C-alpha atoms as a PDB file:
ATOM      1  CA  UNK A   1      49.114   6.222 -51.731  1.00  0.00           C
ATOM      2  CA  UNK A   2      45.529   6.726 -52.905  1.00  0.00           C
ATOM      3  CA  UNK A   3      44.288  10.268 -52.310  1.00  0.00           C
ATOM      4  CA  UNK A   4      41.678  10.658 -55.050  1.00  0.00           C
ATOM      5  CA  UNK A   5      39.075   8.268 -56.475  1.00  0.00           C
ATOM      6  CA  UNK A   6      36.633   8.626 -59.361  1.00  0.00           C
ATOM      7  CA  UNK A   7      33.580   6.383 -59.400  1.00  0.00           C
ATOM      8  CA  UNK A   8      31.875   5.979 -62.756  1.00  0.00           C
ATOM      9  CA  UNK A   9      28.316   5.120 -61.819  1.00  0.00           C
ATOM     10  CA  UNK A  10      27.104   6.507 -58.466  1.00  0.00           C
ATOM     11  CA  UNK A  11      24.017   4.369 -58.108  1.00  0.00           C
ATOM     12  CA  UNK A  12      22.882   1.776 -55.544  1.00  0.00           C
ATOM     13  CA  UNK A  13      26.446   0.608 -54.914  1.00  0.00           C
ATOM     14  CA  UNK A  14      28.550   3.476 -56.225  1.00  0.00           C
ATOM     15  CA  UNK A  15      26.955   6.202 -54.106  1.00  0.00           C
ATOM     16  CA  UNK A  16      27.431   4.564 -50.673  1.00  0.00           C
ATOM     17  CA  UNK A  17      30.969   3.585 -51.709  1.00  0.00           C
ATOM     18  CA  UNK A  18      31.634   7.226 -52.594  1.00  0.00           C
ATOM     19  CA  UNK A  19      30.156   8.380 -49.285  1.00  0.00           C
ATOM     20  CA  UNK A  20      32.314   5.932 -47.348  1.00  0.00           C
ATOM     21  CA  UNK A  21      35.480   7.058 -49.125  1.00  0.00           C
ATOM     22  CA  UNK A  22      34.635  10.743 -48.648  1.00  0.00           C
ATOM     23  CA  UNK A  23      34.284  10.117 -44.903  1.00  0.00           C
ATOM     24  CA  UNK A  24      37.902   8.900 -44.987  1.00  0.00           C
ATOM     25  CA  UNK A  25      39.002  12.285 -46.375  1.00  0.00           C
ATOM     26  CA  UNK A  26      39.540  10.925 -49.869  1.00  0.00           C
ATOM     27  CA  UNK A  27      38.791  13.326 -52.734  1.00  0.00           C
ATOM     28  CA  UNK A  28      35.906  11.528 -54.445  1.00  0.00           C
ATOM     29  CA  UNK A  29      34.502  12.294 -57.879  1.00  0.00           C
ATOM     30  CA  UNK A  30      31.231  10.619 -58.843  1.00  0.00           C
ATOM     31  CA  UNK A  31      29.428  10.443 -62.167  1.00  0.00           C
ATOM     32  CA  UNK A  32      25.712  10.678 -62.942  1.00  0.00           C
ATOM     33  CA  UNK A  33      24.045  10.804 -66.333  1.00  0.00           C
ATOM     34  CA  UNK A  34      22.172  14.047 -65.563  1.00  0.00           C
ATOM     35  CA  UNK A  35      23.630  17.381 -64.476  1.00  0.00           C
ATOM     36  CA  UNK A  36      21.033  17.823 -61.738  1.00  0.00           C
ATOM     37  CA  UNK A  37      21.760  14.427 -60.222  1.00  0.00           C
ATOM     38  CA  UNK A  38      25.490  15.106 -60.346  1.00  0.00           C
ATOM     39  CA  UNK A  39      25.029  18.405 -58.512  1.00  0.00           C
ATOM     40  CA  UNK A  40      23.173  16.646 -55.684  1.00  0.00           C
ATOM     41  CA  UNK A  41      26.250  14.540 -54.927  1.00  0.00           C
ATOM     42  CA  UNK A  42      27.868  17.600 -53.329  1.00  0.00           C
ATOM     43  CA  UNK A  43      25.495  17.104 -50.382  1.00  0.00           C
ATOM     44  CA  UNK A  44      27.578  14.031 -49.548  1.00  0.00           C
ATOM     45  CA  UNK A  45      30.971  15.729 -50.047  1.00  0.00           C
ATOM     46  CA  UNK A  46      31.299  14.097 -53.457  1.00  0.00           C
ATOM     47  CA  UNK A  47      32.409  16.102 -56.486  1.00  0.00           C
ATOM     48  CA  UNK A  48      29.704  15.223 -58.979  1.00  0.00           C
ATOM     49  CA  UNK A  49      30.101  15.356 -62.732  1.00  0.00           C
ATOM     50  CA  UNK A  50      27.913  14.482 -65.685  1.00  0.00           C
ATOM     51  CA  UNK A  51      28.962  11.477 -67.738  1.00  0.00           C
ATOM     52  CA  UNK A  52      26.513  10.128 -70.302  1.00  0.00           C
ATOM     53  CA  UNK A  53      28.305   7.532 -72.394  1.00  0.00           C
ATOM     54  CA  UNK A  54      25.316   7.341 -74.757  1.00  0.00           C
ATOM     55  CA  UNK A  55      25.482  11.040 -75.589  1.00  0.00           C
ATOM     56  CA  UNK A  56      28.034  11.505 -78.383  1.00  0.00           C
ATOM     57  CA  UNK A  57      27.750  15.301 -78.436  1.00  0.00           C
ATOM     58  CA  UNK A  58      28.336  15.519 -74.694  1.00  0.00           C
ATOM     59  CA  UNK A  59      31.431  13.321 -74.990  1.00  0.00           C
ATOM     60  CA  UNK A  60      32.803  15.552 -77.740  1.00  0.00           C
ATOM     61  CA  UNK A  61      31.954  18.912 -76.141  1.00  0.00           C
ATOM     62  CA  UNK A  62      33.079  17.966 -72.631  1.00  0.00           C
ATOM     63  CA  UNK A  63      35.961  15.672 -73.515  1.00  0.00           C
ATOM     64  CA  UNK A  64      38.669  17.925 -72.091  1.00  0.00           C
ATOM     65  CA  UNK A  65      36.919  18.452 -68.746  1.00  0.00           C
ATOM     66  CA  UNK A  66      35.969  14.772 -68.449  1.00  0.00           C
ATOM     67  CA  UNK A  67      39.516  13.663 -69.159  1.00  0.00           C
ATOM     68  CA  UNK A  68      40.766  16.033 -66.458  1.00  0.00           C
ATOM     69  CA  UNK A  69      38.217  14.827 -63.882  1.00  0.00           C
ATOM     70  CA  UNK A  70      39.103  11.201 -64.567  1.00  0.00           C
ATOM     71  CA  UNK A  71      42.796  11.903 -63.926  1.00  0.00           C
ATOM     72  CA  UNK A  72      42.809  10.516 -60.373  1.00  0.00           C
ATOM     73  CA  UNK A  73      44.774   7.968 -58.350  1.00  0.00           C
ATOM     74  CA  UNK A  74      42.068   5.295 -58.543  1.00  0.00           C
ATOM     75  CA  UNK A  75      39.191   4.677 -60.941  1.00  0.00           C
ATOM     76  CA  UNK A  76      36.204   2.477 -60.048  1.00  0.00           C
ATOM     77  CA  UNK A  77      34.079   1.471 -63.039  1.00  0.00           C
ATOM     78  CA  UNK A  78      30.589   0.544 -61.892  1.00  0.00           C
ATOM     79  CA  UNK A  79      28.342   0.671 -64.954  1.00  0.00           C
ATOM     80  CA  UNK A  80      25.193  -1.518 -64.804  1.00  0.00           C
ATOM     81  CA  UNK A  81      25.342  -3.985 -67.725  1.00  0.00           C
ATOM     82  CA  UNK A  82      21.626  -3.976 -68.631  1.00  0.00           C
ATOM     83  CA  UNK A  83      22.462  -6.838 -70.969  1.00  0.00           C
ATOM     84  CA  UNK A  84      18.988  -8.329 -71.296  1.00  0.00           C
ATOM     85  CA  UNK A  85      17.743  -5.199 -73.053  1.00  0.00           C
ATOM     86  CA  UNK A  86      20.816  -4.012 -74.982  1.00  0.00           C
ATOM     87  CA  UNK A  87      23.663  -6.569 -74.997  1.00  0.00           C
ATOM     88  CA  UNK A  88      25.935  -4.574 -77.306  1.00  0.00           C
ATOM     89  CA  UNK A  89      25.271  -1.145 -75.783  1.00  0.00           C
ATOM     90  CA  UNK A  90      27.164  -2.088 -72.613  1.00  0.00           C
ATOM     91  CA  UNK A  91      30.382  -2.794 -74.490  1.00  0.00           C
ATOM     92  CA  UNK A  92      29.956   0.380 -76.529  1.00  0.00           C
ATOM     93  CA  UNK A  93      29.696   2.461 -73.347  1.00  0.00           C
ATOM     94  CA  UNK A  94      32.805   0.846 -71.926  1.00  0.00           C
ATOM     95  CA  UNK A  95      34.700   1.484 -75.161  1.00  0.00           C
ATOM     96  CA  UNK A  96      33.870   5.168 -74.945  1.00  0.00           C
ATOM     97  CA  UNK A  97      35.041   5.288 -71.345  1.00  0.00           C
ATOM     98  CA  UNK A  98      38.314   3.643 -72.329  1.00  0.00           C
ATOM     99  CA  UNK A  99      38.825   6.371 -74.931  1.00  0.00           C
ATOM    100  CA  UNK A 100      38.401   9.016 -72.219  1.00  0.00           C
ATOM    101  CA  UNK A 101      40.976   7.414 -69.915  1.00  0.00           C
ATOM    102  CA  UNK A 102      43.418   6.299 -72.618  1.00  0.00           C
ATOM    103  CA  UNK A 103      46.054   8.819 -71.525  1.00  0.00           C
ATOM    104  CA  UNK A 104      45.863   7.920 -67.827  1.00  0.00           C
ATOM    105  CA  UNK A 105      47.704   5.281 -65.820  1.00  0.00           C
ATOM    106  CA  UNK A 106      46.019   4.612 -62.495  1.00  0.00           C
ATOM    107  CA  UNK A 107      47.550   3.429 -59.266  1.00  0.00           C
ATOM    108  CA  UNK A 108      44.502   1.174 -59.085  1.00  0.00           C
ATOM    109  CA  UNK A 109      41.705   0.544 -61.588  1.00  0.00           C
ATOM    110  CA  UNK A 110      38.773  -1.516 -60.318  1.00  0.00           C
ATOM    111  CA  UNK A 111      36.154  -2.902 -62.678  1.00  0.00           C
ATOM    112  CA  UNK A 112      32.920  -4.131 -61.090  1.00  0.00           C
ATOM    113  CA  UNK A 113      31.608  -7.312 -62.699  1.00  0.00           C
ATOM    114  CA  UNK A 114      29.282 -10.114 -61.588  1.00  0.00           C
ATOM    115  CA  UNK A 115      29.307 -13.838 -60.877  1.00  0.00           C
ATOM    116  CA  UNK A 116      27.082 -14.200 -63.929  1.00  0.00           C
ATOM    117  CA  UNK A 117      30.301 -15.197 -65.691  1.00  0.00           C
ATOM    118  CA  UNK A 118      30.042 -18.645 -64.060  1.00  0.00           C
ATOM    119  CA  UNK A 119      27.972 -21.461 -65.586  1.00  0.00           C
ATOM    120  CA  UNK A 120      25.075 -22.988 -63.651  1.00  0.00           C
ATOM    121  CA  UNK A 121      26.745 -26.276 -62.812  1.00  0.00           C
ATOM    122  CA  UNK A 122      26.844 -28.411 -59.688  1.00  0.00           C
ATOM    123  CA  UNK A 123      30.259 -27.299 -58.466  1.00  0.00           C
ATOM    124  CA  UNK A 124      32.180 -24.918 -56.232  1.00  0.00           C
ATOM    125  CA  UNK A 125      33.498 -22.191 -58.513  1.00  0.00           C
ATOM    126  CA  UNK A 126      36.597 -20.079 -58.087  1.00  0.00           C
ATOM    127  CA  UNK A 127      37.888 -17.144 -60.116  1.00  0.00           C
ATOM    128  CA  UNK A 128      39.448 -19.290 -62.830  1.00  0.00           C
ATOM    129  CA  UNK A 129      36.182 -21.136 -63.568  1.00  0.00           C
ATOM    130  CA  UNK A 130      34.518 -18.348 -65.544  1.00  0.00           C
ATOM    131  CA  UNK A 131      33.471 -19.335 -69.058  1.00  0.00           C
ATOM    132  CA  UNK A 132      31.162 -18.160 -71.794  1.00  0.00           C
ATOM    133  CA  UNK A 133      27.917 -20.115 -71.447  1.00  0.00           C
ATOM    134  CA  UNK A 134      25.367 -17.604 -72.750  1.00  0.00           C
ATOM    135  CA  UNK A 135      25.175 -14.324 -74.651  1.00  0.00           C
ATOM    136  CA  UNK A 136      25.126 -12.401 -71.362  1.00  0.00           C
ATOM    137  CA  UNK A 137      28.153 -14.197 -69.915  1.00  0.00           C
ATOM    138  CA  UNK A 138      30.002 -13.680 -73.199  1.00  0.00           C
ATOM    139  CA  UNK A 139      29.452  -9.914 -73.000  1.00  0.00           C
ATOM    140  CA  UNK A 140      30.416  -9.819 -69.324  1.00  0.00           C
ATOM    141  CA  UNK A 141      33.696 -11.587 -70.030  1.00  0.00           C
ATOM    142  CA  UNK A 142      34.407  -9.317 -72.986  1.00  0.00           C
ATOM    143  CA  UNK A 143      33.828  -6.325 -70.716  1.00  0.00           C
ATOM    144  CA  UNK A 144      36.237  -7.691 -68.122  1.00  0.00           C
ATOM    145  CA  UNK A 145      38.919  -8.231 -70.741  1.00  0.00           C
ATOM    146  CA  UNK A 146      38.639  -4.636 -71.906  1.00  0.00           C
ATOM    147  CA  UNK A 147      39.878  -3.487 -68.479  1.00  0.00           C
ATOM    148  CA  UNK A 148      41.992  -6.475 -67.420  1.00  0.00           C
ATOM    149  CA  UNK A 149      44.705  -5.382 -69.859  1.00  0.00           C
ATOM    150  CA  UNK A 150      45.073  -1.968 -68.198  1.00  0.00           C
ATOM    151  CA  UNK A 151      47.945  -1.480 -65.716  1.00  0.00           C
ATOM    152  CA  UNK A 152      47.124  -2.061 -62.024  1.00  0.00           C
ATOM    153  CA  UNK A 153      43.639  -3.291 -62.854  1.00  0.00           C
ATOM    154  CA  UNK A 154      41.487  -5.509 -60.674  1.00  0.00           C
ATOM    155  CA  UNK A 155      38.201  -7.242 -61.503  1.00  0.00           C
ATOM    156  CA  UNK A 156      35.683  -7.704 -58.691  1.00  0.00           C
ATOM    157  CA  UNK A 157      32.785 -10.106 -59.252  1.00  0.00           C
ATOM    158  CA  UNK A 158      29.770  -9.499 -57.021  1.00  0.00           C
ATOM    159  CA  UNK A 159      27.292 -12.267 -56.257  1.00  0.00           C
ATOM    160  CA  UNK A 160      23.581 -11.411 -55.931  1.00  0.00           C
ATOM    161  CA  UNK A 161      23.287  -8.008 -54.285  1.00  0.00           C
ATOM    162  CA  UNK A 162      21.087  -7.377 -51.264  1.00  0.00           C
ATOM    163  CA  UNK A 163      20.770  -4.485 -48.844  1.00  0.00           C
ATOM    164  CA  UNK A 164      18.688  -1.319 -48.490  1.00  0.00           C
ATOM    165  CA  UNK A 165      15.819  -1.363 -51.019  1.00  0.00           C
ATOM    166  CA  UNK A 166      16.925  -4.842 -52.159  1.00  0.00           C
ATOM    167  CA  UNK A 167      15.381  -7.219 -49.654  1.00  0.00           C
ATOM    168  CA  UNK A 168      15.541 -10.778 -51.042  1.00  0.00           C
ATOM    169  CA  UNK A 169      12.132 -11.567 -49.553  1.00  0.00           C
ATOM    170  CA  UNK A 170      10.563  -9.866 -52.568  1.00  0.00           C
ATOM    171  CA  UNK A 171      12.491 -11.877 -55.146  1.00  0.00           C
ATOM    172  CA  UNK A 172      10.346 -15.043 -55.101  1.00  0.00           C
ATOM    173  CA  UNK A 173       7.455 -14.272 -52.731  1.00  0.00           C
ATOM    174  CA  UNK A 174       4.158 -15.872 -53.750  1.00  0.00           C
ATOM    175  CA  UNK A 175       5.599 -17.853 -56.647  1.00  0.00           C
ATOM    176  CA  UNK A 176       4.771 -21.545 -57.016  1.00  0.00           C
ATOM    177  CA  UNK A 177       6.198 -24.597 -58.783  1.00  0.00           C
ATOM    178  CA  UNK A 178       9.736 -23.269 -58.544  1.00  0.00           C
ATOM    179  CA  UNK A 179      12.737 -25.445 -59.297  1.00  0.00           C
ATOM    180  CA  UNK A 180      16.126 -25.411 -57.577  1.00  0.00           C
ATOM    181  CA  UNK A 181      14.915 -25.930 -54.011  1.00  0.00           C
ATOM    182  CA  UNK A 182      18.264 -27.354 -52.928  1.00  0.00           C
ATOM    183  CA  UNK A 183      20.433 -25.031 -54.993  1.00  0.00           C
ATOM    184  CA  UNK A 184      23.017 -22.979 -53.112  1.00  0.00           C
ATOM    185  CA  UNK A 185      22.242 -19.314 -52.440  1.00  0.00           C
ATOM    186  CA  UNK A 186      25.010 -16.931 -53.560  1.00  0.00           C
ATOM    187  CA  UNK A 187      24.421 -13.467 -52.131  1.00  0.00           C
ATOM    188  CA  UNK A 188      26.425 -10.565 -50.741  1.00  0.00           C
ATOM    189  CA  UNK A 189      25.329  -7.569 -48.677  1.00  0.00           C
ATOM    190  CA  UNK A 190      26.011  -4.006 -49.791  1.00  0.00           C
ATOM    191  CA  UNK A 191      28.171  -3.348 -46.712  1.00  0.00           C
ATOM    192  CA  UNK A 192      30.502  -6.196 -47.644  1.00  0.00           C
ATOM    193  CA  UNK A 193      30.703  -4.980 -51.250  1.00  0.00           C
ATOM    194  CA  UNK A 194      31.805  -1.563 -50.004  1.00  0.00           C
ATOM    195  CA  UNK A 195      34.327  -3.088 -47.586  1.00  0.00           C
ATOM    196  CA  UNK A 196      35.739  -5.422 -50.251  1.00  0.00           C
ATOM    197  CA  UNK A 197      36.235  -2.715 -52.879  1.00  0.00           C
ATOM    198  CA  UNK A 198      37.725  -0.384 -50.268  1.00  0.00           C
ATOM    199  CA  UNK A 199      40.237  -3.096 -49.367  1.00  0.00           C
ATOM    200  CA  UNK A 200      41.090  -3.555 -53.035  1.00  0.00           C
ATOM    201  CA  UNK A 201      41.627   0.199 -53.430  1.00  0.00           C
ATOM    202  CA  UNK A 202      44.065   0.589 -50.563  1.00  0.00           C
ATOM    203  CA  UNK A 203      45.799  -2.781 -50.313  1.00  0.00           C
ATOM    204  CA  UNK A 204      48.247  -4.495 -52.600  1.00  0.00           C
ATOM    205  CA  UNK A 205      46.312  -7.126 -54.527  1.00  0.00           C
ATOM    206  CA  UNK A 206      48.302 -10.227 -55.525  1.00  0.00           C
ATOM    207  CA  UNK A 207      45.565 -11.437 -57.890  1.00  0.00           C
ATOM    208  CA  UNK A 208      43.699  -9.668 -60.654  1.00  0.00           C
ATOM    209  CA  UNK A 209      40.211 -11.101 -60.044  1.00  0.00           C
ATOM    210  CA  UNK A 210      38.227 -11.538 -56.821  1.00  0.00           C
ATOM    211  CA  UNK A 211      34.819 -13.050 -56.077  1.00  0.00           C
ATOM    212  CA  UNK A 212      32.739 -11.277 -53.445  1.00  0.00           C
ATOM    213  CA  UNK A 213      30.104 -13.659 -52.104  1.00  0.00           C
ATOM    214  CA  UNK A 214      29.062 -14.592 -48.572  1.00  0.00           C
ATOM    215  CA  UNK A 215      30.883 -17.829 -47.614  1.00  0.00           C
ATOM    216  CA  UNK A 216      27.756 -19.527 -46.207  1.00  0.00           C
ATOM    217  CA  UNK A 217      25.330 -20.899 -48.790  1.00  0.00           C
ATOM    218  CA  UNK A 218      21.901 -21.956 -47.473  1.00  0.00           C
ATOM    219  CA  UNK A 219      19.489 -23.913 -49.629  1.00  0.00           C
ATOM    220  CA  UNK A 220      17.355 -21.764 -51.912  1.00  0.00           C
ATOM    221  CA  UNK A 221      14.110 -23.214 -50.522  1.00  0.00           C
ATOM    222  CA  UNK A 222      15.019 -22.555 -46.888  1.00  0.00           C
ATOM    223  CA  UNK A 223      16.423 -19.100 -47.459  1.00  0.00           C
ATOM    224  CA  UNK A 224      13.680 -17.629 -49.622  1.00  0.00           C
ATOM    225  CA  UNK A 225      10.991 -19.075 -47.360  1.00  0.00           C
ATOM    226  CA  UNK A 226      12.571 -17.252 -44.406  1.00  0.00           C
ATOM    227  CA  UNK A 227      13.163 -14.113 -46.469  1.00  0.00           C
ATOM    228  CA  UNK A 228       9.503 -13.854 -47.527  1.00  0.00           C
ATOM    229  CA  UNK A 229       8.304 -14.366 -43.964  1.00  0.00           C
ATOM    230  CA  UNK A 230      10.685 -11.639 -42.804  1.00  0.00           C
ATOM    231  CA  UNK A 231       8.604  -9.184 -44.833  1.00  0.00           C
ATOM    232  CA  UNK A 232       5.280 -10.785 -43.984  1.00  0.00           C
ATOM    233  CA  UNK A 233       4.852 -12.000 -47.567  1.00  0.00           C
ATOM    234  CA  UNK A 234       3.597 -15.318 -48.909  1.00  0.00           C
ATOM    235  CA  UNK A 235       6.550 -17.751 -49.056  1.00  0.00           C
ATOM    236  CA  UNK A 236       7.441 -19.293 -52.423  1.00  0.00           C
ATOM    237  CA  UNK A 237       6.640 -22.937 -53.133  1.00  0.00           C
ATOM    238  CA  UNK A 238       9.166 -25.288 -54.750  1.00  0.00           C
ATOM    239  CA  UNK A 239       8.579 -28.456 -56.716  1.00  0.00           C
ATOM    240  CA  UNK A 240      10.406 -30.861 -54.415  1.00  0.00           C
ATOM    241  CA  UNK A 241       9.832 -33.908 -56.620  1.00  0.00           C
ATOM    242  CA  UNK A 242      12.336 -32.513 -59.113  1.00  0.00           C
ATOM    243  CA  UNK A 243      15.049 -31.916 -56.549  1.00  0.00           C
ATOM    244  CA  UNK A 244      18.183 -33.899 -55.779  1.00  0.00           C
ATOM    245  CA  UNK A 245      20.417 -33.363 -52.775  1.00  0.00           C
ATOM    246  CA  UNK A 246      23.715 -34.957 -51.856  1.00  0.00           C
ATOM    247  CA  UNK A 247      24.002 -37.443 -48.990  1.00  0.00           C
ATOM    248  CA  UNK A 248      25.023 -34.737 -46.512  1.00  0.00           C
ATOM    249  CA  UNK A 249      21.845 -32.763 -47.105  1.00  0.00           C
ATOM    250  CA  UNK A 250      23.817 -29.615 -47.974  1.00  0.00           C
ATOM    251  CA  UNK A 251      23.003 -27.239 -50.764  1.00  0.00           C
ATOM    252  CA  UNK A 252      24.011 -28.228 -54.296  1.00  0.00           C
ATOM    253  CA  UNK A 253      24.358 -26.425 -57.610  1.00  0.00           C
ATOM    254  CA  UNK A 254      26.591 -23.442 -58.396  1.00  0.00           C
ATOM    255  CA  UNK A 255      28.474 -22.298 -55.310  1.00  0.00           C
ATOM    256  CA  UNK A 256      30.663 -19.184 -55.507  1.00  0.00           C
ATOM    257  CA  UNK A 257      33.925 -19.411 -53.574  1.00  0.00           C
ATOM    258  CA  UNK A 258      35.422 -16.212 -52.104  1.00  0.00           C
ATOM    259  CA  UNK A 259      38.441 -17.786 -50.404  1.00  0.00           C
ATOM    260  CA  UNK A 260      40.907 -15.758 -52.487  1.00  0.00           C
ATOM    261  CA  UNK A 261      39.494 -12.481 -51.178  1.00  0.00           C
ATOM    262  CA  UNK A 262      39.498 -13.698 -47.581  1.00  0.00           C
ATOM    263  CA  UNK A 263      42.945 -15.287 -47.705  1.00  0.00           C
ATOM    264  CA  UNK A 264      44.922 -12.777 -49.767  1.00  0.00           C
ATOM    265  CA  UNK A 265      43.442  -9.610 -48.254  1.00  0.00           C
ATOM    266  CA  UNK A 266      42.592 -11.051 -44.831  1.00  0.00           C
ATOM    267  CA  UNK A 267      39.014  -9.986 -45.555  1.00  0.00           C
ATOM    268  CA  UNK A 268      36.238 -10.738 -43.089  1.00  0.00           C
ATOM    269  CA  UNK A 269      32.600 -10.592 -44.155  1.00  0.00           C
ATOM    270  CA  UNK A 270      30.285  -8.592 -41.918  1.00  0.00           C
ATOM    271  CA  UNK A 271      27.472 -10.827 -43.146  1.00  0.00           C
ATOM    272  CA  UNK A 272      28.872 -14.302 -43.836  1.00  0.00           C
ATOM    273  CA  UNK A 273      25.385 -15.901 -43.792  1.00  0.00           C
ATOM    274  CA  UNK A 274      22.579 -14.642 -46.096  1.00  0.00           C
ATOM    275  CA  UNK A 275      20.054 -15.320 -43.329  1.00  0.00           C
ATOM    276  CA  UNK A 276      21.837 -12.739 -41.162  1.00  0.00           C
ATOM    277  CA  UNK A 277      21.498 -10.203 -43.976  1.00  0.00           C
ATOM    278  CA  UNK A 278      17.715 -10.128 -43.742  1.00  0.00           C
ATOM    279  CA  UNK A 279      17.632  -7.845 -40.709  1.00  0.00           C
ATOM    280  CA  UNK A 280      20.045  -5.480 -42.484  1.00  0.00           C
ATOM    281  CA  UNK A 281      17.962  -5.034 -45.636  1.00  0.00           C
END
């Protein structure tokens, strides 16, 4: 039984997850890099604590207290990769976290990853199709492996994240000459991310890795046109002469499959169609 959860990284996803768990009378500990930000978490019935994995002195001075705080039933690791700026720093932060939790065995350990581990190919991709195809994907897969070897661990791969303060209408608005008009859209709403991770925390998980992506995949051109209009912005323009579509007229390109999540955990998406997400952003 899970009675306490620590969330490393209470940001855009981690904070609402922590709030949701606290509302279920779970003892929730949440980390922030600054003491002041950690203290504010108490307003949401979350026990905040400072954790700055880039601050060596802090990790040394507060090691005992951090190790005690991280001794919970379930640990959720939700550290933004930031790989375009500092590819190696991400793995270094994770290594330091692993040192802090080395003496703990969790009932459930969830590591939040991304579908960036999949190559941009014209195919429907399931959990076993991840492969190193760039420096970023290589680091992401290395990060997953660091936690996959821990007992009771589970990797969750989020597709493109949308929700409050992340309306997809802003992503491409006003841009011209874009490619990939007929490419499949792979997005997931914040609410479904929270629901999926909550299911993984409390349910027995037969598999070690799960994709979390809305099962409906509109064409990129159609979706982002509608998304821009939803905000009253100038729709993007695609170079249609470069595009190829299959004979059915459906979207092509990389398509993330979340059947394992839906079948093994009987999971139902609140927003199965990215178009339906627009009103909830």
